[in-house]
Every structure is written in structure tokens, then in C-alpha cells.
Amino acid sequence: REAESFKEQGNAYYAKKDYNEAYNYYTKAIDTCPNNASYYGNRAATLMMLGRFREALGDAQQSVRLDDSFVRGHLREGKCHLSLGNAMAASRCFQRVLELDHKNTQAQQEVRAA
């Protein structure tokens, strides 16, 4: 419950575009409950907004290690790979999204971009 509260606070800061504060609350959620994929996914999104793609990649990868069916985690991992110049790895991530959700338009667009 405490971890969910931290996540909700992080979401509120993210919505206000206060990504540093959002990062702090998502980190508290992870520290409280380190096996929740969405907490890592949220922190990855925050790090991406801060332009910290290498760190974001680690969180996105951890999110899909914890839950291989976490579509947003795979999308974020792919976007990080693209931002870091690794189109092959990005394509694999987007293909995985399409395996999970073949109608995912974002992944369809990203595969073409990669």
C-alpha cells in the first residue's frame, strides 16, 4: 500500500512535468516494493523525459524481466534502444510488443522507424 502511494505521488508529479520529483517517488516505490514491473516502467518513462536514456533502458529492461507481458515496458525499452542508436535491439522490442498485442499502432509505427 505504501509503495502504491509513492507511485501515485510520482504520477501526480509526472503529470505536472516535474520529472525529478516523479523520479524520487518512483524510486521510493521501487525501494518499498522492488518486484513491481510498473514502478520500473514509470521510472523509465521519467528518465526518458529527463533525457537519461541509458538509465531508462536499465529500468525498462528490469520491468520486462519482472513481467514479460508488460507492453509499455517493451515499448520503452525499444525507444531507449532507438535513442541510443541500436535499431536492431529496438526492432526486437517492438516485435515483442506486436507478439503481445498485434494491433498496437505505436509498435507498428516504431518498427517502421527502426
N, C-alpha and C. Protein backbone atom coordinates (compact mmCIF):
# COMPACT_ATOMS: atom_id res chain seq x y z
N ARG A 1 0.83 -1.20 0.00
CA ARG A 1 0.00 0.00 0.00
C ARG A 1 0.86 1.26 0.00
N GLU A 2 1.93 1.24 0.80
CA GLU A 2 2.84 2.39 0.85
C GLU A 2 3.48 2.63 -0.52
N ALA A 3 3.89 1.55 -1.17
CA ALA A 3 4.51 1.67 -2.50
C ALA A 3 3.53 2.27 -3.50
N GLU A 4 2.27 1.84 -3.45
CA GLU A 4 1.24 2.39 -4.35
C GLU A 4 1.07 3.88 -4.11
N SER A 5 1.13 4.29 -2.86
CA SER A 5 1.01 5.71 -2.52
C SER A 5 2.17 6.49 -3.13
N PHE A 6 3.38 5.94 -3.02
CA PHE A 6 4.54 6.61 -3.64
C PHE A 6 4.35 6.71 -5.15
N LYS A 7 3.85 5.62 -5.77
CA LYS A 7 3.63 5.63 -7.21
C LYS A 7 2.61 6.71 -7.59
N GLU A 8 1.53 6.80 -6.83
CA GLU A 8 0.51 7.81 -7.13
C GLU A 8 1.06 9.22 -7.01
N GLN A 9 1.92 9.44 -6.00
CA GLN A 9 2.56 10.75 -5.87
C GLN A 9 3.47 11.01 -7.06
N GLY A 10 4.21 9.98 -7.46
CA GLY A 10 5.06 10.10 -8.64
C GLY A 10 4.25 10.44 -9.87
N ASN A 11 3.09 9.78 -10.03
CA ASN A 11 2.22 10.06 -11.17
C ASN A 11 1.76 11.52 -11.18
N ALA A 12 1.45 12.04 -10.00
CA ALA A 12 0.99 13.43 -9.89
C ALA A 12 2.11 14.38 -10.34
N TYR A 13 3.34 14.12 -9.89
CA TYR A 13 4.46 14.98 -10.31
C TYR A 13 4.75 14.81 -11.80
N TYR A 14 4.63 13.59 -12.29
CA TYR A 14 4.84 13.35 -13.73
C TYR A 14 3.84 14.16 -14.54
N ALA A 15 2.58 14.14 -14.12
CA ALA A 15 1.52 14.88 -14.83
C ALA A 15 1.82 16.38 -14.84
N LYS A 16 2.50 16.86 -13.79
CA LYS A 16 2.85 18.28 -13.71
C LYS A 16 4.18 18.57 -14.41
N LYS A 17 4.76 17.52 -15.03
CA LYS A 17 6.05 17.63 -15.71
C LYS A 17 7.21 17.94 -14.76
N ASP A 18 7.03 17.59 -13.48
CA ASP A 18 8.12 17.71 -12.52
C ASP A 18 8.79 16.33 -12.44
N TYR A 19 9.63 16.08 -13.46
CA TYR A 19 10.18 14.73 -13.62
C TYR A 19 11.19 14.36 -12.55
N ASN A 20 11.91 15.33 -12.00
CA ASN A 20 12.85 15.00 -10.93
C ASN A 20 12.12 14.50 -9.68
N GLU A 21 11.04 15.18 -9.33
CA GLU A 21 10.24 14.76 -8.16
C GLU A 21 9.56 13.42 -8.45
N ALA A 22 9.03 13.26 -9.66
CA ALA A 22 8.41 11.99 -10.03
C ALA A 22 9.42 10.85 -9.89
N TYR A 23 10.64 11.09 -10.38
CA TYR A 23 11.71 10.09 -10.27
C TYR A 23 11.93 9.70 -8.81
N ASN A 24 11.96 10.69 -7.92
CA ASN A 24 12.19 10.41 -6.49
C ASN A 24 11.09 9.52 -5.92
N TYR A 25 9.84 9.79 -6.28
CA TYR A 25 8.73 8.99 -5.74
C TYR A 25 8.68 7.60 -6.35
N TYR A 26 8.99 7.48 -7.64
CA TYR A 26 9.02 6.15 -8.24
C TYR A 26 10.16 5.32 -7.63
N THR A 27 11.26 5.98 -7.31
CA THR A 27 12.37 5.28 -6.66
C THR A 27 11.94 4.78 -5.28
N LYS A 28 11.20 5.61 -4.54
CA LYS A 28 10.69 5.18 -3.23
C LYS A 28 9.76 3.99 -3.38
N ALA A 29 8.92 4.00 -4.41
CA ALA A 29 8.01 2.87 -4.66
C ALA A 29 8.82 1.60 -4.93
N ILE A 30 9.87 1.73 -5.75
CA ILE A 30 10.73 0.58 -6.07
C ILE A 30 11.44 0.08 -4.82
N ASP A 31 11.95 1.01 -4.01
CA ASP A 31 12.65 0.61 -2.77
C ASP A 31 11.71 -0.14 -1.84
N THR A 32 10.43 0.25 -1.83
CA THR A 32 9.44 -0.38 -0.96
C THR A 32 8.97 -1.72 -1.51
N CYS A 33 8.86 -1.79 -2.83
CA CYS A 33 8.34 -3.00 -3.49
C CYS A 33 9.13 -3.23 -4.78
N PRO A 34 10.29 -3.89 -4.67
CA PRO A 34 11.20 -3.99 -5.83
C PRO A 34 10.78 -4.98 -6.92
N ASN A 35 9.67 -5.66 -6.75
CA ASN A 35 9.27 -6.66 -7.75
C ASN A 35 8.05 -6.25 -8.57
N ASN A 36 7.80 -4.94 -8.66
CA ASN A 36 6.65 -4.45 -9.40
C ASN A 36 7.12 -3.84 -10.72
N ALA A 37 6.74 -4.48 -11.83
CA ALA A 37 7.19 -4.04 -13.15
C ALA A 37 6.78 -2.61 -13.47
N SER A 38 5.55 -2.23 -13.09
CA SER A 38 5.07 -0.90 -13.49
C SER A 38 5.86 0.22 -12.81
N TYR A 39 6.38 -0.03 -11.62
CA TYR A 39 7.18 1.01 -10.95
C TYR A 39 8.45 1.30 -11.76
N TYR A 40 9.09 0.22 -12.24
CA TYR A 40 10.28 0.41 -13.08
C TYR A 40 9.90 1.06 -14.40
N GLY A 41 8.75 0.67 -14.94
CA GLY A 41 8.28 1.27 -16.19
C GLY A 41 8.03 2.76 -16.04
N ASN A 42 7.42 3.14 -14.93
CA ASN A 42 7.16 4.56 -14.69
C ASN A 42 8.46 5.33 -14.52
N ARG A 43 9.40 4.75 -13.78
CA ARG A 43 10.68 5.45 -13.60
C ARG A 43 11.43 5.54 -14.93
N ALA A 44 11.32 4.50 -15.76
CA ALA A 44 11.95 4.55 -17.09
C ALA A 44 11.37 5.71 -17.90
N ALA A 45 10.05 5.87 -17.87
CA ALA A 45 9.41 6.96 -18.62
C ALA A 45 9.91 8.31 -18.12
N THR A 46 10.06 8.43 -16.82
CA THR A 46 10.54 9.68 -16.23
C THR A 46 11.98 9.96 -16.67
N LEU A 47 12.82 8.93 -16.62
CA LEU A 47 14.22 9.11 -17.04
C LEU A 47 14.30 9.48 -18.53
N MET A 48 13.40 8.91 -19.33
CA MET A 48 13.38 9.27 -20.75
C MET A 48 13.04 10.75 -20.93
N MET A 49 12.09 11.23 -20.15
CA MET A 49 11.72 12.65 -20.23
C MET A 49 12.88 13.54 -19.80
N LEU A 50 13.74 13.01 -18.94
CA LEU A 50 14.92 13.76 -18.49
C LEU A 50 16.11 13.58 -19.44
N GLY A 51 15.92 12.78 -20.51
CA GLY A 51 16.99 12.56 -21.48
C GLY A 51 18.06 11.60 -20.99
N ARG A 52 17.75 10.82 -19.96
CA ARG A 52 18.72 9.88 -19.37
C ARG A 52 18.40 8.47 -19.88
N PHE A 53 18.64 8.27 -21.20
CA PHE A 53 18.18 7.06 -21.87
C PHE A 53 18.91 5.79 -21.44
N ARG A 54 20.19 5.90 -21.10
CA ARG A 54 20.91 4.70 -20.68
C ARG A 54 20.34 4.17 -19.35
N GLU A 55 20.08 5.07 -18.42
CA GLU A 55 19.47 4.67 -17.14
C GLU A 55 18.05 4.16 -17.37
N ALA A 56 17.32 4.85 -18.24
CA ALA A 56 15.94 4.46 -18.55
C ALA A 56 15.92 3.05 -19.14
N LEU A 57 16.90 2.74 -19.98
CA LEU A 57 16.99 1.41 -20.58
C LEU A 57 17.09 0.34 -19.51
N GLY A 58 17.91 0.58 -18.50
CA GLY A 58 18.05 -0.40 -17.40
C GLY A 58 16.72 -0.64 -16.69
N ASP A 59 15.98 0.43 -16.43
CA ASP A 59 14.69 0.29 -15.75
C ASP A 59 13.67 -0.40 -16.66
N ALA A 60 13.66 -0.06 -17.94
CA ALA A 60 12.73 -0.70 -18.87
C ALA A 60 13.03 -2.20 -18.96
N GLN A 61 14.31 -2.54 -19.03
CA GLN A 61 14.69 -3.95 -19.10
C GLN A 61 14.30 -4.68 -17.82
N GLN A 62 14.47 -4.03 -16.68
CA GLN A 62 14.06 -4.66 -15.42
C GLN A 62 12.55 -4.86 -15.38
N SER A 63 11.80 -3.91 -15.93
CA SER A 63 10.34 -4.04 -15.91
C SER A 63 9.89 -5.26 -16.71
N VAL A 64 10.53 -5.53 -17.85
CA VAL A 64 10.11 -6.70 -18.64
C VAL A 64 10.72 -8.00 -18.13
N ARG A 65 11.82 -7.90 -17.37
CA ARG A 65 12.33 -9.11 -16.68
C ARG A 65 11.31 -9.55 -15.64
N LEU A 66 10.72 -8.58 -14.95
CA LEU A 66 9.73 -8.90 -13.92
C LEU A 66 8.40 -9.35 -14.52
N ASP A 67 8.05 -8.80 -15.70
CA ASP A 67 6.78 -9.15 -16.33
C ASP A 67 6.95 -9.06 -17.85
N ASP A 68 7.18 -10.21 -18.47
CA ASP A 68 7.46 -10.23 -19.91
C ASP A 68 6.26 -9.80 -20.75
N SER A 69 5.07 -9.74 -20.15
CA SER A 69 3.89 -9.32 -20.90
C SER A 69 3.59 -7.83 -20.72
N PHE A 70 4.51 -7.09 -20.10
CA PHE A 70 4.34 -5.66 -19.83
C PHE A 70 4.64 -4.86 -21.10
N VAL A 71 3.60 -4.58 -21.86
CA VAL A 71 3.73 -3.95 -23.18
C VAL A 71 4.46 -2.61 -23.09
N ARG A 72 4.06 -1.76 -22.16
CA ARG A 72 4.71 -0.44 -22.07
C ARG A 72 6.19 -0.57 -21.75
N GLY A 73 6.57 -1.58 -20.99
CA GLY A 73 7.99 -1.81 -20.71
C GLY A 73 8.77 -2.11 -21.98
N HIS A 74 8.20 -2.98 -22.83
CA HIS A 74 8.86 -3.31 -24.09
C HIS A 74 8.93 -2.09 -25.01
N LEU A 75 7.86 -1.30 -25.04
CA LEU A 75 7.87 -0.07 -25.86
C LEU A 75 8.96 0.88 -25.38
N ARG A 76 9.04 1.06 -24.08
CA ARG A 76 10.05 1.99 -23.54
C ARG A 76 11.45 1.47 -23.78
N GLU A 77 11.64 0.16 -23.62
CA GLU A 77 12.96 -0.41 -23.90
C GLU A 77 13.33 -0.14 -25.36
N GLY A 78 12.39 -0.36 -26.26
CA GLY A 78 12.66 -0.12 -27.68
C GLY A 78 13.00 1.33 -27.96
N LYS A 79 12.26 2.25 -27.37
CA LYS A 79 12.53 3.68 -27.58
C LYS A 79 13.91 4.06 -27.05
N CYS A 80 14.30 3.47 -25.93
CA CYS A 80 15.64 3.75 -25.39
C CYS A 80 16.71 3.23 -26.34
N HIS A 81 16.53 2.00 -26.83
CA HIS A 81 17.49 1.45 -27.79
C HIS A 81 17.61 2.36 -29.01
N LEU A 82 16.46 2.83 -29.51
CA LEU A 82 16.50 3.73 -30.68
C LEU A 82 17.27 5.00 -30.36
N SER A 83 16.98 5.60 -29.20
CA SER A 83 17.65 6.84 -28.80
C SER A 83 19.15 6.65 -28.63
N LEU A 84 19.54 5.43 -28.28
CA LEU A 84 20.97 5.13 -28.09
C LEU A 84 21.61 4.58 -29.37
N GLY A 85 20.83 4.53 -30.46
CA GLY A 85 21.39 4.16 -31.75
C GLY A 85 21.41 2.67 -32.05
N ASN A 86 20.66 1.87 -31.31
CA ASN A 86 20.66 0.43 -31.54
C ASN A 86 19.32 0.00 -32.16
N ALA A 87 19.23 0.16 -33.48
CA ALA A 87 17.97 -0.12 -34.18
C ALA A 87 17.59 -1.60 -34.14
N MET A 88 18.58 -2.48 -34.17
CA MET A 88 18.28 -3.93 -34.15
C MET A 88 17.60 -4.32 -32.84
N ALA A 89 18.16 -3.88 -31.73
CA ALA A 89 17.57 -4.20 -30.42
C ALA A 89 16.20 -3.55 -30.30
N ALA A 90 16.06 -2.34 -30.81
CA ALA A 90 14.77 -1.65 -30.77
C ALA A 90 13.73 -2.45 -31.53
N SER A 91 14.09 -2.92 -32.72
CA SER A 91 13.17 -3.71 -33.53
C SER A 91 12.70 -4.95 -32.79
N ARG A 92 13.62 -5.62 -32.09
CA ARG A 92 13.25 -6.82 -31.32
C ARG A 92 12.20 -6.47 -30.26
N CYS A 93 12.40 -5.34 -29.59
CA CYS A 93 11.45 -4.91 -28.55
C CYS A 93 10.07 -4.64 -29.15
N PHE A 94 10.05 -3.92 -30.27
CA PHE A 94 8.77 -3.58 -30.89
C PHE A 94 8.08 -4.83 -31.45
N GLN A 95 8.89 -5.79 -31.96
CA GLN A 95 8.32 -7.05 -32.43
C GLN A 95 7.67 -7.81 -31.27
N ARG A 96 8.30 -7.76 -30.10
CA ARG A 96 7.74 -8.42 -28.92
C ARG A 96 6.40 -7.79 -28.55
N VAL A 97 6.31 -6.47 -28.64
CA VAL A 97 5.03 -5.80 -28.36
C VAL A 97 3.97 -6.33 -29.32
N LEU A 98 4.33 -6.46 -30.59
CA LEU A 98 3.36 -6.93 -31.59
C LEU A 98 2.98 -8.39 -31.36
N GLU A 99 3.89 -9.19 -30.78
CA GLU A 99 3.52 -10.56 -30.40
C GLU A 99 2.46 -10.53 -29.29
N LEU A 100 2.61 -9.59 -28.38
CA LEU A 100 1.68 -9.48 -27.25
C LEU A 100 0.37 -8.81 -27.66
N ASP A 101 0.47 -7.84 -28.58
CA ASP A 101 -0.69 -7.04 -28.98
C ASP A 101 -0.51 -6.65 -30.44
N HIS A 102 -0.97 -7.53 -31.35
CA HIS A 102 -0.70 -7.32 -32.77
C HIS A 102 -1.35 -6.07 -33.34
N LYS A 103 -2.27 -5.46 -32.60
CA LYS A 103 -2.93 -4.24 -33.09
C LYS A 103 -2.31 -2.97 -32.51
N ASN A 104 -1.19 -3.09 -31.79
CA ASN A 104 -0.58 -1.93 -31.16
C ASN A 104 -0.01 -0.99 -32.23
N THR A 105 -0.71 0.12 -32.46
CA THR A 105 -0.32 1.04 -33.53
C THR A 105 1.02 1.72 -33.24
N GLN A 106 1.29 1.99 -31.98
CA GLN A 106 2.56 2.63 -31.63
C GLN A 106 3.73 1.70 -32.03
N ALA A 107 3.62 0.43 -31.69
CA ALA A 107 4.68 -0.52 -32.03
C ALA A 107 4.80 -0.68 -33.55
N GLN A 108 3.66 -0.67 -34.25
CA GLN A 108 3.70 -0.78 -35.72
C GLN A 108 4.48 0.40 -36.32
N GLN A 109 4.24 1.61 -35.81
CA GLN A 109 4.94 2.79 -36.29
C GLN A 109 6.43 2.72 -35.92
N GLU A 110 6.72 2.29 -34.69
CA GLU A 110 8.11 2.24 -34.22
C GLU A 110 8.92 1.21 -35.00
N VAL A 111 8.31 0.08 -35.36
CA VAL A 111 9.02 -0.94 -36.14
C VAL A 111 9.45 -0.34 -37.49
N ARG A 112 8.56 0.41 -38.10
CA ARG A 112 8.91 1.06 -39.38
C ARG A 112 10.04 2.07 -39.17
N ALA A 113 9.98 2.82 -38.10
CA ALA A 113 11.02 3.82 -37.82
C ALA A 113 12.37 3.16 -37.57
N ALA A 114 12.34 2.06 -36.84
CA ALA A 114 13.59 1.36 -36.51
C ALA A 114 14.20 0.77 -37.78
